[in-house]
Amino acid sequence: MNEFNDRMLAQRRVVQLVNHKDWDKEELFGLSTKAIDRWMTANYIDPSSRLVHLLRSVSKELLCLATKSQEQVSEDYRARSSRVGALTKSIEAEIG
């Protein structure tokens, strides 16, 4: 259960960081591919921007953590968790 809570907190943190900025049309509603695409299109954000790349990367890492959550905590799980933390800090810096 702790891993699930950690993933949800990480996702919530990223979404809050992004939505801290006032976007023209709509906020980011989640970290799924469709949610990122919708937010990017609604706000006319360049798909090749660093922020979009970071969001897609953190989304992939969180998805991988979700599929590994039933396994014992392994080195791979810890490494991915660390990458989520680093990506979150990069997103925070990118938002400014």
N, C-alpha and C. Protein backbone atom coordinates (compact mmCIF):
# COMPACT_ATOMS: atom_id res chain seq x y z
N MET A 1 0.82 -1.19 0.00
CA MET A 1 0.00 0.00 0.00
C MET A 1 0.86 1.26 0.00
N ASN A 2 2.00 1.23 0.66
CA ASN A 2 2.87 2.40 0.72
C ASN A 2 3.37 2.80 -0.66
N GLU A 3 3.72 1.83 -1.51
CA GLU A 3 4.18 2.15 -2.86
C GLU A 3 3.08 2.84 -3.65
N PHE A 4 1.84 2.37 -3.49
CA PHE A 4 0.71 2.99 -4.18
C PHE A 4 0.56 4.44 -3.74
N ASN A 5 0.60 4.68 -2.45
CA ASN A 5 0.48 6.05 -1.94
C ASN A 5 1.61 6.93 -2.44
N ASP A 6 2.81 6.38 -2.47
CA ASP A 6 3.96 7.15 -2.96
C ASP A 6 3.77 7.54 -4.43
N ARG A 7 3.28 6.61 -5.24
CA ARG A 7 3.04 6.91 -6.65
C ARG A 7 1.97 7.98 -6.82
N MET A 8 0.90 7.86 -6.05
CA MET A 8 -0.19 8.84 -6.15
C MET A 8 0.28 10.22 -5.70
N LEU A 9 1.07 10.26 -4.64
CA LEU A 9 1.62 11.53 -4.16
C LEU A 9 2.55 12.15 -5.20
N ALA A 10 3.35 11.32 -5.84
CA ALA A 10 4.28 11.81 -6.87
C ALA A 10 3.50 12.37 -8.06
N GLN A 11 2.47 11.65 -8.48
CA GLN A 11 1.66 12.13 -9.60
C GLN A 11 0.96 13.44 -9.23
N ARG A 12 0.38 13.48 -8.06
CA ARG A 12 -0.31 14.70 -7.60
C ARG A 12 0.66 15.87 -7.55
N ARG A 13 1.86 15.64 -7.07
CA ARG A 13 2.88 16.70 -6.97
C ARG A 13 3.22 17.26 -8.34
N VAL A 14 3.41 16.39 -9.33
CA VAL A 14 3.76 16.83 -10.68
C VAL A 14 2.61 17.66 -11.27
N VAL A 15 1.40 17.16 -11.13
CA VAL A 15 0.24 17.88 -11.68
C VAL A 15 0.10 19.25 -11.00
N GLN A 16 0.29 19.30 -9.69
CA GLN A 16 0.21 20.58 -8.98
C GLN A 16 1.30 21.55 -9.43
N LEU A 17 2.50 21.03 -9.64
CA LEU A 17 3.59 21.88 -10.12
C LEU A 17 3.24 22.51 -11.47
N VAL A 18 2.75 21.69 -12.38
CA VAL A 18 2.41 22.18 -13.71
C VAL A 18 1.26 23.18 -13.63
N ASN A 19 0.27 22.88 -12.82
CA ASN A 19 -0.91 23.74 -12.73
C ASN A 19 -0.70 24.98 -11.88
N HIS A 20 0.45 25.07 -11.26
CA HIS A 20 0.79 26.27 -10.51
C HIS A 20 0.91 27.47 -11.46
N LYS A 21 1.32 27.18 -12.68
CA LYS A 21 1.41 28.20 -13.71
C LYS A 21 0.02 28.42 -14.31
N ASP A 22 -0.28 29.66 -14.66
CA ASP A 22 -1.56 29.96 -15.30
C ASP A 22 -1.46 29.63 -16.79
N TRP A 23 -2.16 28.60 -17.21
CA TRP A 23 -2.17 28.21 -18.62
C TRP A 23 -3.32 28.92 -19.32
N ASP A 24 -3.17 29.13 -20.61
CA ASP A 24 -4.17 29.88 -21.38
C ASP A 24 -5.55 29.24 -21.35
N LYS A 25 -5.64 27.95 -21.58
CA LYS A 25 -6.95 27.31 -21.77
C LYS A 25 -7.33 26.35 -20.66
N GLU A 26 -6.47 25.39 -20.36
CA GLU A 26 -6.85 24.42 -19.34
C GLU A 26 -5.65 23.86 -18.61
N GLU A 27 -5.93 23.38 -17.42
CA GLU A 27 -4.90 22.77 -16.59
C GLU A 27 -4.64 21.34 -17.05
N LEU A 28 -3.56 20.80 -16.55
CA LEU A 28 -3.23 19.39 -16.77
C LEU A 28 -4.07 18.56 -15.79
N PHE A 29 -4.80 17.58 -16.32
CA PHE A 29 -5.70 16.79 -15.48
C PHE A 29 -5.11 15.47 -15.00
N GLY A 30 -4.01 15.05 -15.56
CA GLY A 30 -3.39 13.78 -15.17
C GLY A 30 -2.12 13.57 -15.96
N LEU A 31 -1.51 12.41 -15.77
CA LEU A 31 -0.26 12.12 -16.46
C LEU A 31 -0.37 11.00 -17.48
N SER A 32 -1.59 10.68 -17.88
CA SER A 32 -1.74 9.70 -18.96
C SER A 32 -1.33 10.37 -20.27
N THR A 33 -1.04 9.58 -21.27
CA THR A 33 -0.67 10.13 -22.57
C THR A 33 -1.77 11.03 -23.11
N LYS A 34 -3.02 10.58 -22.99
CA LYS A 34 -4.14 11.37 -23.50
C LYS A 34 -4.31 12.68 -22.74
N ALA A 35 -4.10 12.66 -21.42
CA ALA A 35 -4.23 13.88 -20.63
C ALA A 35 -3.13 14.88 -21.01
N ILE A 36 -1.93 14.40 -21.19
CA ILE A 36 -0.82 15.28 -21.59
C ILE A 36 -1.08 15.84 -22.98
N ASP A 37 -1.52 14.98 -23.92
CA ASP A 37 -1.82 15.44 -25.28
C ASP A 37 -2.91 16.50 -25.29
N ARG A 38 -3.97 16.28 -24.52
CA ARG A 38 -5.08 17.24 -24.46
C ARG A 38 -4.59 18.59 -23.92
N TRP A 39 -3.84 18.56 -22.83
CA TRP A 39 -3.33 19.78 -22.21
C TRP A 39 -2.41 20.52 -23.18
N MET A 40 -1.54 19.77 -23.84
CA MET A 40 -0.59 20.35 -24.77
C MET A 40 -1.31 21.00 -25.95
N THR A 41 -2.31 20.32 -26.50
CA THR A 41 -3.07 20.86 -27.63
C THR A 41 -3.89 22.07 -27.22
N ALA A 42 -4.57 21.99 -26.08
CA ALA A 42 -5.43 23.08 -25.62
C ALA A 42 -4.64 24.36 -25.37
N ASN A 43 -3.40 24.21 -24.92
CA ASN A 43 -2.58 25.37 -24.57
C ASN A 43 -1.54 25.73 -25.63
N TYR A 44 -1.64 25.07 -26.79
CA TYR A 44 -0.72 25.35 -27.91
C TYR A 44 0.74 25.23 -27.49
N ILE A 45 1.04 24.12 -26.80
CA ILE A 45 2.40 23.88 -26.34
C ILE A 45 3.11 23.00 -27.37
N ASP A 46 4.30 23.38 -27.71
CA ASP A 46 5.11 22.63 -28.68
C ASP A 46 5.36 21.22 -28.16
N PRO A 47 4.98 20.20 -28.95
CA PRO A 47 5.20 18.82 -28.52
C PRO A 47 6.66 18.46 -28.26
N SER A 48 7.57 19.23 -28.84
CA SER A 48 8.99 18.94 -28.64
C SER A 48 9.60 19.75 -27.49
N SER A 49 8.76 20.45 -26.73
CA SER A 49 9.29 21.27 -25.63
C SER A 49 9.86 20.39 -24.52
N ARG A 50 10.75 20.96 -23.77
CA ARG A 50 11.37 20.23 -22.66
C ARG A 50 10.33 19.82 -21.62
N LEU A 51 9.38 20.69 -21.34
CA LEU A 51 8.36 20.36 -20.35
C LEU A 51 7.54 19.14 -20.77
N VAL A 52 7.14 19.09 -22.02
CA VAL A 52 6.37 17.93 -22.52
C VAL A 52 7.23 16.67 -22.42
N HIS A 53 8.48 16.79 -22.79
CA HIS A 53 9.39 15.63 -22.70
C HIS A 53 9.50 15.15 -21.25
N LEU A 54 9.65 16.07 -20.31
CA LEU A 54 9.75 15.70 -18.90
C LEU A 54 8.46 15.05 -18.40
N LEU A 55 7.32 15.60 -18.80
CA LEU A 55 6.04 15.03 -18.38
C LEU A 55 5.86 13.61 -18.93
N ARG A 56 6.20 13.42 -20.17
CA ARG A 56 6.09 12.07 -20.75
C ARG A 56 7.04 11.09 -20.05
N SER A 57 8.22 11.57 -19.70
CA SER A 57 9.19 10.71 -19.02
C SER A 57 8.71 10.32 -17.63
N VAL A 58 8.21 11.27 -16.86
CA VAL A 58 7.74 10.95 -15.51
C VAL A 58 6.52 10.05 -15.59
N SER A 59 5.68 10.26 -16.59
CA SER A 59 4.52 9.41 -16.80
C SER A 59 4.93 7.95 -17.03
N LYS A 60 5.92 7.76 -17.87
CA LYS A 60 6.41 6.40 -18.17
C LYS A 60 7.02 5.75 -16.93
N GLU A 61 7.78 6.51 -16.17
CA GLU A 61 8.40 5.96 -14.95
C GLU A 61 7.33 5.55 -13.94
N LEU A 62 6.32 6.40 -13.77
CA LEU A 62 5.24 6.07 -12.83
C LEU A 62 4.46 4.84 -13.28
N LEU A 63 4.25 4.71 -14.58
CA LEU A 63 3.57 3.52 -15.11
C LEU A 63 4.40 2.26 -14.83
N CYS A 64 5.69 2.35 -15.03
CA CYS A 64 6.56 1.21 -14.74
C CYS A 64 6.53 0.86 -13.26
N LEU A 65 6.52 1.86 -12.41
CA LEU A 65 6.44 1.60 -10.97
C LEU A 65 5.12 0.92 -10.63
N ALA A 66 4.06 1.30 -11.29
CA ALA A 66 2.75 0.70 -11.02
C ALA A 66 2.73 -0.78 -11.38
N THR A 67 3.41 -1.13 -12.46
CA THR A 67 3.41 -2.54 -12.88
C THR A 67 4.35 -3.37 -12.02
N LYS A 68 5.26 -2.73 -11.32
CA LYS A 68 6.20 -3.45 -10.47
C LYS A 68 5.80 -3.42 -9.00
N SER A 69 4.69 -2.75 -8.69
CA SER A 69 4.34 -2.55 -7.29
C SER A 69 4.04 -3.84 -6.54
N GLN A 70 3.68 -4.89 -7.24
CA GLN A 70 3.38 -6.14 -6.57
C GLN A 70 4.64 -6.97 -6.30
N GLU A 71 5.73 -6.58 -6.93
CA GLU A 71 6.99 -7.30 -6.72
C GLU A 71 7.66 -6.78 -5.45
N GLN A 72 8.62 -7.55 -4.98
CA GLN A 72 9.43 -7.05 -3.88
C GLN A 72 10.15 -5.80 -4.33
N VAL A 73 10.38 -4.90 -3.40
CA VAL A 73 11.11 -3.70 -3.75
C VAL A 73 12.50 -4.10 -4.20
N SER A 74 12.81 -3.78 -5.41
CA SER A 74 14.08 -4.19 -6.00
C SER A 74 14.92 -2.95 -6.29
N GLU A 75 16.12 -3.21 -6.75
CA GLU A 75 16.99 -2.10 -7.15
C GLU A 75 16.36 -1.32 -8.29
N ASP A 76 15.74 -2.02 -9.25
CA ASP A 76 15.08 -1.35 -10.37
C ASP A 76 13.97 -0.42 -9.87
N TYR A 77 13.20 -0.89 -8.92
CA TYR A 77 12.10 -0.08 -8.37
C TYR A 77 12.66 1.16 -7.68
N ARG A 78 13.71 0.97 -6.90
CA ARG A 78 14.33 2.12 -6.21
C ARG A 78 14.93 3.11 -7.21
N ALA A 79 15.55 2.59 -8.27
CA ALA A 79 16.14 3.46 -9.28
C ALA A 79 15.06 4.28 -9.99
N ARG A 80 13.96 3.61 -10.32
CA ARG A 80 12.86 4.32 -10.98
C ARG A 80 12.26 5.38 -10.05
N SER A 81 12.12 5.05 -8.78
CA SER A 81 11.61 6.02 -7.81
C SER A 81 12.52 7.24 -7.73
N SER A 82 13.82 7.00 -7.77
CA SER A 82 14.78 8.12 -7.75
C SER A 82 14.65 8.97 -9.00
N ARG A 83 14.44 8.30 -10.16
CA ARG A 83 14.27 9.05 -11.41
C ARG A 83 13.00 9.90 -11.37
N VAL A 84 11.94 9.36 -10.78
CA VAL A 84 10.70 10.15 -10.64
C VAL A 84 11.00 11.41 -9.82
N GLY A 85 11.75 11.27 -8.75
CA GLY A 85 12.11 12.43 -7.93
C GLY A 85 12.94 13.44 -8.72
N ALA A 86 13.89 12.96 -9.48
CA ALA A 86 14.74 13.85 -10.27
C ALA A 86 13.94 14.54 -11.37
N LEU A 87 13.05 13.80 -12.02
CA LEU A 87 12.21 14.38 -13.07
C LEU A 87 11.27 15.43 -12.48
N THR A 88 10.75 15.18 -11.31
CA THR A 88 9.87 16.14 -10.64
C THR A 88 10.62 17.43 -10.37
N LYS A 89 11.85 17.33 -9.90
CA LYS A 89 12.66 18.53 -9.66
C LYS A 89 12.94 19.27 -10.98
N SER A 90 13.18 18.53 -12.04
CA SER A 90 13.41 19.15 -13.36
C SER A 90 12.15 19.88 -13.85
N ILE A 91 11.00 19.27 -13.62
CA ILE A 91 9.73 19.91 -14.00
C ILE A 91 9.53 21.19 -13.21
N GLU A 92 9.83 21.12 -11.91
CA GLU A 92 9.71 22.32 -11.07
C GLU A 92 10.61 23.43 -11.58
N ALA A 93 11.84 23.09 -11.95
CA ALA A 93 12.77 24.08 -12.47
C ALA A 93 12.29 24.62 -13.82
N GLU A 94 11.74 23.77 -14.65
CA GLU A 94 11.25 24.18 -15.97
C GLU A 94 10.07 25.14 -15.86
N ILE A 95 9.20 24.88 -14.91
CA ILE A 95 8.04 25.75 -14.69
C ILE A 95 8.50 27.10 -14.14
N GLY A 96 9.55 27.03 -13.33
CA GLY A 96 10.15 28.25 -12.79
C GLY A 96 9.37 28.77 -11.64
